[in-house]
């Protein structure tokens, strides 16, 4: 009896395609978008990489762990604290939403 192999015979597949969402965008790759006269770095986060609760600035609803979403931050002069986690639909509709969100008095602010 020969010993069991733990990996495929061809070795590691270094050229495996990155996972994609239903619209064909690749998770984890950064792209640049222009919004409100500023360049924004945008990155898709897959459900397996989303491990914390976030608050979407587009709809003011919570993004629970395990839900794929978009992370966006200003391209220039921005730090880690300037990153915002958006639902994908909210990011796509950011130009159609109003700038003023109404919160109740006891709504959490995170």
N, C-alpha and C. Protein backbone atom coordinates (compact mmCIF):
# COMPACT_ATOMS: atom_id res chain seq x y z
N UNK A 1 0.85 -1.17 0.00
CA UNK A 1 0.00 0.00 0.00
C UNK A 1 0.89 1.23 0.00
N UNK A 2 0.57 2.17 -0.86
CA UNK A 2 1.35 3.40 -0.93
C UNK A 2 0.76 4.45 0.03
N UNK A 3 1.60 5.37 0.50
CA UNK A 3 1.10 6.39 1.44
C UNK A 3 0.13 7.35 0.75
N UNK A 4 -0.72 7.94 1.53
CA UNK A 4 -1.72 8.88 1.03
C UNK A 4 -1.08 10.21 0.67
N UNK A 5 -1.49 10.79 -0.45
CA UNK A 5 -1.00 12.11 -0.84
C UNK A 5 -1.92 13.18 -0.25
N UNK A 6 -1.33 14.26 0.27
CA UNK A 6 -2.11 15.34 0.85
C UNK A 6 -2.35 16.49 -0.11
N UNK A 7 -1.72 16.45 -1.26
CA UNK A 7 -1.94 17.51 -2.24
C UNK A 7 -2.02 16.90 -3.63
N UNK A 8 -2.58 17.63 -4.55
CA UNK A 8 -2.70 17.08 -5.91
C UNK A 8 -1.32 16.80 -6.51
N UNK A 9 -1.29 15.90 -7.45
CA UNK A 9 -0.02 15.51 -8.08
C UNK A 9 0.68 16.66 -8.77
N UNK A 10 -0.08 17.63 -9.27
CA UNK A 10 0.52 18.74 -9.99
C UNK A 10 1.16 19.78 -9.07
N UNK A 11 1.10 19.60 -7.78
CA UNK A 11 1.63 20.59 -6.86
C UNK A 11 0.61 21.67 -6.59
N UNK A 12 1.03 22.75 -5.97
CA UNK A 12 0.12 23.86 -5.69
C UNK A 12 -0.27 24.55 -6.98
N UNK A 13 -1.54 24.87 -7.10
CA UNK A 13 -2.03 25.59 -8.28
C UNK A 13 -1.92 27.08 -8.00
N UNK A 14 -0.80 27.67 -8.41
CA UNK A 14 -0.54 29.08 -8.13
C UNK A 14 -1.34 29.99 -9.06
N UNK A 15 -1.93 29.45 -10.09
CA UNK A 15 -2.66 30.26 -11.06
C UNK A 15 -4.16 30.02 -10.95
N UNK A 16 -4.64 29.63 -9.78
CA UNK A 16 -6.08 29.42 -9.61
C UNK A 16 -6.78 30.77 -9.67
N UNK A 17 -7.93 30.84 -10.31
CA UNK A 17 -8.65 32.12 -10.41
C UNK A 17 -9.17 32.55 -9.03
N UNK A 18 -9.20 33.86 -8.84
CA UNK A 18 -9.73 34.40 -7.60
C UNK A 18 -11.24 34.22 -7.58
N UNK A 19 -11.83 34.05 -6.38
CA UNK A 19 -13.29 33.90 -6.32
C UNK A 19 -14.00 35.16 -6.81
N UNK A 20 -15.16 34.98 -7.41
CA UNK A 20 -15.93 36.09 -7.96
C UNK A 20 -17.33 36.09 -7.34
N UNK A 21 -17.95 37.26 -7.33
CA UNK A 21 -19.34 37.33 -6.89
C UNK A 21 -20.24 37.10 -8.10
N UNK A 22 -21.56 37.19 -7.91
CA UNK A 22 -22.49 36.88 -9.00
C UNK A 22 -22.40 37.86 -10.17
N UNK A 23 -21.88 39.07 -9.95
CA UNK A 23 -21.75 40.01 -11.06
C UNK A 23 -20.41 39.86 -11.78
N UNK A 24 -19.55 38.98 -11.31
CA UNK A 24 -18.28 38.74 -11.98
C UNK A 24 -17.10 39.51 -11.40
N UNK A 25 -17.33 40.32 -10.36
CA UNK A 25 -16.22 41.06 -9.76
C UNK A 25 -15.41 40.14 -8.86
N UNK A 26 -14.12 40.38 -8.80
CA UNK A 26 -13.25 39.54 -7.98
C UNK A 26 -13.14 40.08 -6.57
N UNK A 27 -13.21 39.17 -5.60
CA UNK A 27 -13.03 39.55 -4.20
C UNK A 27 -11.56 39.82 -3.92
N UNK A 28 -11.28 40.80 -3.09
CA UNK A 28 -9.93 41.06 -2.63
C UNK A 28 -9.10 41.98 -3.50
N UNK A 29 -9.50 42.23 -4.74
CA UNK A 29 -8.73 43.11 -5.60
C UNK A 29 -9.21 44.54 -5.43
N UNK A 30 -8.26 45.44 -5.39
CA UNK A 30 -8.57 46.86 -5.19
C UNK A 30 -8.71 47.56 -6.53
N UNK A 31 -9.72 48.42 -6.62
CA UNK A 31 -9.89 49.24 -7.81
C UNK A 31 -10.11 50.68 -7.37
N UNK A 32 -10.02 51.60 -8.31
CA UNK A 32 -10.22 53.02 -8.01
C UNK A 32 -11.49 53.51 -8.69
N UNK A 33 -12.32 54.22 -7.92
CA UNK A 33 -13.54 54.83 -8.45
C UNK A 33 -13.54 56.30 -8.08
N UNK A 34 -14.15 57.10 -8.90
CA UNK A 34 -14.27 58.53 -8.62
C UNK A 34 -15.66 58.81 -8.08
N UNK A 35 -15.73 59.55 -6.97
CA UNK A 35 -17.00 59.90 -6.35
C UNK A 35 -16.85 61.23 -5.63
N UNK A 36 -17.73 62.16 -5.86
CA UNK A 36 -17.73 63.48 -5.26
C UNK A 36 -16.41 64.21 -5.48
N UNK A 37 -15.86 64.06 -6.67
CA UNK A 37 -14.62 64.75 -7.02
C UNK A 37 -13.37 64.18 -6.37
N UNK A 38 -13.47 62.99 -5.80
CA UNK A 38 -12.34 62.36 -5.12
C UNK A 38 -12.15 60.96 -5.67
N UNK A 39 -10.91 60.48 -5.67
CA UNK A 39 -10.64 59.09 -6.03
C UNK A 39 -10.75 58.23 -4.79
N UNK A 40 -11.49 57.12 -4.91
CA UNK A 40 -11.71 56.21 -3.79
C UNK A 40 -11.13 54.84 -4.14
N UNK A 41 -10.45 54.23 -3.20
CA UNK A 41 -10.02 52.85 -3.33
C UNK A 41 -11.18 51.98 -2.86
N UNK A 42 -11.54 50.99 -3.66
CA UNK A 42 -12.69 50.14 -3.36
C UNK A 42 -12.24 48.69 -3.42
N UNK A 43 -12.62 47.92 -2.42
CA UNK A 43 -12.24 46.51 -2.36
C UNK A 43 -13.46 45.68 -1.96
N UNK A 44 -13.73 44.60 -2.69
CA UNK A 44 -14.80 43.66 -2.35
C UNK A 44 -14.29 42.71 -1.27
N UNK A 45 -15.08 42.52 -0.24
CA UNK A 45 -14.74 41.59 0.84
C UNK A 45 -15.72 40.42 0.77
N UNK A 46 -15.18 39.22 0.68
CA UNK A 46 -16.02 38.03 0.65
C UNK A 46 -16.59 37.71 2.02
N UNK A 47 -17.61 36.87 2.05
CA UNK A 47 -18.26 36.51 3.31
C UNK A 47 -17.32 35.82 4.29
N UNK A 48 -16.38 35.03 3.81
CA UNK A 48 -15.44 34.34 4.70
C UNK A 48 -14.45 35.27 5.36
N UNK A 49 -14.19 36.41 4.74
CA UNK A 49 -13.22 37.36 5.29
C UNK A 49 -13.89 38.40 6.19
N UNK A 50 -15.21 38.48 6.16
CA UNK A 50 -15.94 39.47 6.97
C UNK A 50 -16.18 38.87 8.35
N UNK A 51 -15.40 39.32 9.34
CA UNK A 51 -15.45 38.70 10.66
C UNK A 51 -16.02 39.60 11.75
N UNK A 52 -16.33 40.84 11.45
CA UNK A 52 -16.81 41.77 12.47
C UNK A 52 -18.13 42.39 12.04
N UNK A 53 -18.78 43.06 12.98
CA UNK A 53 -19.98 43.84 12.67
C UNK A 53 -19.54 45.23 12.21
N UNK A 54 -20.18 45.73 11.16
CA UNK A 54 -19.90 47.07 10.65
C UNK A 54 -21.22 47.80 10.46
N UNK A 55 -21.18 49.10 10.39
CA UNK A 55 -22.36 49.93 10.14
C UNK A 55 -22.20 50.55 8.76
N UNK A 56 -23.14 50.27 7.86
CA UNK A 56 -23.08 50.80 6.50
C UNK A 56 -23.45 52.29 6.52
N UNK A 57 -22.59 53.17 5.97
CA UNK A 57 -22.91 54.59 5.96
C UNK A 57 -24.00 54.95 4.94
N UNK A 58 -24.31 54.05 4.03
CA UNK A 58 -25.32 54.33 3.02
C UNK A 58 -26.74 54.17 3.54
N UNK A 59 -26.97 53.12 4.35
CA UNK A 59 -28.32 52.86 4.83
C UNK A 59 -28.41 52.88 6.35
N UNK A 60 -27.27 53.03 7.03
CA UNK A 60 -27.19 53.06 8.48
C UNK A 60 -27.67 51.75 9.11
N UNK A 61 -27.55 50.65 8.38
CA UNK A 61 -27.90 49.34 8.91
C UNK A 61 -26.62 48.57 9.18
N UNK A 62 -26.72 47.56 10.03
CA UNK A 62 -25.56 46.77 10.41
C UNK A 62 -25.23 45.75 9.32
N UNK A 63 -23.93 45.53 9.10
CA UNK A 63 -23.44 44.47 8.23
C UNK A 63 -22.91 43.38 9.15
N UNK A 64 -23.61 42.27 9.29
CA UNK A 64 -23.16 41.23 10.22
C UNK A 64 -21.96 40.45 9.68
N UNK A 65 -21.26 39.72 10.54
CA UNK A 65 -20.14 38.89 10.06
C UNK A 65 -20.63 37.85 9.06
N UNK A 66 -19.80 37.55 8.08
CA UNK A 66 -20.13 36.54 7.08
C UNK A 66 -20.88 37.07 5.87
N UNK A 67 -21.15 38.37 5.82
CA UNK A 67 -21.88 38.95 4.69
C UNK A 67 -20.88 39.65 3.77
N UNK A 68 -20.84 39.30 2.48
CA UNK A 68 -19.94 40.00 1.56
C UNK A 68 -20.34 41.48 1.47
N UNK A 69 -19.34 42.35 1.38
CA UNK A 69 -19.60 43.78 1.31
C UNK A 69 -18.44 44.50 0.64
N UNK A 70 -18.50 45.82 0.59
CA UNK A 70 -17.49 46.65 -0.06
C UNK A 70 -16.82 47.52 0.99
N UNK A 71 -15.49 47.65 0.89
CA UNK A 71 -14.75 48.57 1.74
C UNK A 71 -14.22 49.67 0.83
N UNK A 72 -14.47 50.93 1.22
CA UNK A 72 -14.04 52.06 0.40
C UNK A 72 -13.38 53.11 1.30
N UNK A 73 -12.35 53.77 0.76
CA UNK A 73 -11.67 54.84 1.48
C UNK A 73 -11.06 55.79 0.47
N UNK A 74 -10.89 57.07 0.86
CA UNK A 74 -10.27 58.03 -0.07
C UNK A 74 -8.87 57.56 -0.44
N UNK A 75 -8.54 57.65 -1.72
CA UNK A 75 -7.27 57.13 -2.23
C UNK A 75 -6.06 57.88 -1.65
N UNK A 76 -6.17 59.21 -1.52
CA UNK A 76 -5.01 59.99 -1.11
C UNK A 76 -5.27 60.65 0.25
N UNK A 77 -4.27 60.62 1.10
CA UNK A 77 -4.34 61.29 2.39
C UNK A 77 -5.26 60.62 3.39
N UNK A 78 -5.55 59.36 3.21
CA UNK A 78 -6.46 58.67 4.12
C UNK A 78 -5.71 57.60 4.90
N UNK A 79 -6.14 57.42 6.12
CA UNK A 79 -5.56 56.38 6.95
C UNK A 79 -6.53 55.23 7.14
N UNK A 80 -6.18 54.33 8.01
CA UNK A 80 -7.01 53.17 8.30
C UNK A 80 -8.36 53.59 8.87
N UNK A 81 -8.40 54.66 9.63
CA UNK A 81 -9.65 55.12 10.24
C UNK A 81 -10.63 55.68 9.23
N UNK A 82 -10.21 55.96 8.01
CA UNK A 82 -11.09 56.52 6.99
C UNK A 82 -11.79 55.46 6.14
N UNK A 83 -11.50 54.18 6.40
CA UNK A 83 -12.17 53.12 5.64
C UNK A 83 -13.62 52.98 6.10
N UNK A 84 -14.51 52.77 5.14
CA UNK A 84 -15.93 52.58 5.43
C UNK A 84 -16.41 51.30 4.77
N UNK A 85 -17.21 50.54 5.51
CA UNK A 85 -17.74 49.28 5.02
C UNK A 85 -19.19 49.50 4.58
N UNK A 86 -19.47 49.21 3.31
CA UNK A 86 -20.77 49.45 2.70
C UNK A 86 -21.38 48.14 2.22
N UNK A 87 -22.71 48.05 2.23
CA UNK A 87 -23.36 46.99 1.47
C UNK A 87 -23.06 47.27 0.00
N UNK A 88 -22.96 46.23 -0.79
CA UNK A 88 -22.64 46.44 -2.20
C UNK A 88 -23.72 47.27 -2.89
N UNK A 89 -24.99 47.01 -2.60
CA UNK A 89 -26.08 47.76 -3.21
C UNK A 89 -26.05 49.22 -2.76
N UNK A 90 -25.70 49.47 -1.52
CA UNK A 90 -25.62 50.86 -1.02
C UNK A 90 -24.48 51.61 -1.70
N UNK A 91 -23.34 50.95 -1.90
CA UNK A 91 -22.22 51.60 -2.59
C UNK A 91 -22.61 51.93 -4.03
N UNK A 92 -23.31 51.01 -4.69
CA UNK A 92 -23.73 51.26 -6.08
C UNK A 92 -24.77 52.37 -6.17
N UNK A 93 -25.54 52.59 -5.10
CA UNK A 93 -26.60 53.60 -5.11
C UNK A 93 -26.19 54.87 -4.37
N UNK A 94 -24.92 55.05 -4.10
CA UNK A 94 -24.47 56.18 -3.26
C UNK A 94 -24.82 57.53 -3.86
N UNK A 95 -24.90 57.63 -5.18
CA UNK A 95 -25.24 58.90 -5.82
C UNK A 95 -26.74 59.20 -5.78
N UNK A 96 -27.54 58.18 -5.57
CA UNK A 96 -28.99 58.36 -5.55
C UNK A 96 -29.54 58.53 -4.14
N UNK A 97 -28.70 58.41 -3.13
CA UNK A 97 -29.16 58.52 -1.74
C UNK A 97 -28.96 59.93 -1.23
N UNK A 98 -29.78 60.32 -0.27
CA UNK A 98 -29.61 61.65 0.32
C UNK A 98 -28.45 61.63 1.30
N UNK A 99 -27.90 62.79 1.55
CA UNK A 99 -26.74 62.89 2.43
C UNK A 99 -27.14 62.87 3.90
N UNK A 100 -28.39 63.18 4.22
CA UNK A 100 -28.82 63.25 5.61
C UNK A 100 -29.53 61.98 6.00
N UNK A 101 -28.99 61.29 6.97
CA UNK A 101 -29.62 60.10 7.50
C UNK A 101 -30.31 60.47 8.81
N UNK A 102 -31.49 59.96 9.01
CA UNK A 102 -32.21 60.21 10.24
C UNK A 102 -32.00 59.02 11.18
N UNK A 103 -31.48 59.27 12.35
CA UNK A 103 -31.29 58.23 13.35
C UNK A 103 -32.22 58.47 14.52
N UNK A 104 -32.61 57.42 15.15
CA UNK A 104 -33.37 57.60 16.39
C UNK A 104 -32.39 57.99 17.50
N UNK A 105 -32.90 58.47 18.58
CA UNK A 105 -32.02 58.96 19.66
C UNK A 105 -31.15 57.87 20.27
N UNK A 106 -31.67 56.67 20.32
CA UNK A 106 -30.91 55.60 20.99
C UNK A 106 -30.25 54.64 19.99
N UNK A 107 -30.11 55.04 18.74
CA UNK A 107 -29.43 54.18 17.75
C UNK A 107 -27.94 54.20 18.01
N UNK A 108 -27.27 53.04 17.92
CA UNK A 108 -25.83 53.02 18.13
C UNK A 108 -25.09 53.79 17.04
N UNK A 109 -23.98 54.42 17.39
CA UNK A 109 -23.20 55.23 16.45
C UNK A 109 -21.84 54.57 16.16
N UNK A 110 -21.84 53.43 15.52
CA UNK A 110 -20.58 52.81 15.13
C UNK A 110 -20.62 52.37 13.72
